[in-house]
């Protein structure tokens, strides 16, 4: 199997399921309400913030793969639009799934030699490093999302007046 097909598969698996870790983003978020997504625990990121952050870097890498310039900055990667209702949350999720699938499709189309080329500037490493970095980055934040979801739901059970559905 070509390496770019394997990498595209890893992108799809971390977002949509069937990966080795048996945990992926979309199934973990399917039952999360917008109230849970915006609920802040102490100084931690919110679920919505993490989802936006993940998608931000997917969009950045995808932009380069589609021949556009790299216009992303780490400092902007948590600056998500407000989520004030379920429709806002669903729009963010829909955009995230669309961008992830588009990224996977673009990776499949890459010439395998391109994976070894410099990604925009030498300091960013290769195309491979950046695409694989999206997969690793998503797994990292997926773990945080799973923990936040569990903590939020535990708080809901402990505090009967706290309704986040």
Foldseek 3Di string as FASTA:
>chain_A
DDPLLVLLVLLCCQAPHDDPVRDHNPVLCVPAALLQQCDDDDPDDGNVQLLQLLLLLLVQLLCVLVPHDRDDDNVCSRVDDDDDHRVSVVVSSVSSVVSSNSSSVSSVVDDSVQQQDDRNDPVCGGSVCSSVVSSVSSVVVSVVSNVSSVVVVVVCVVDVVDDRD
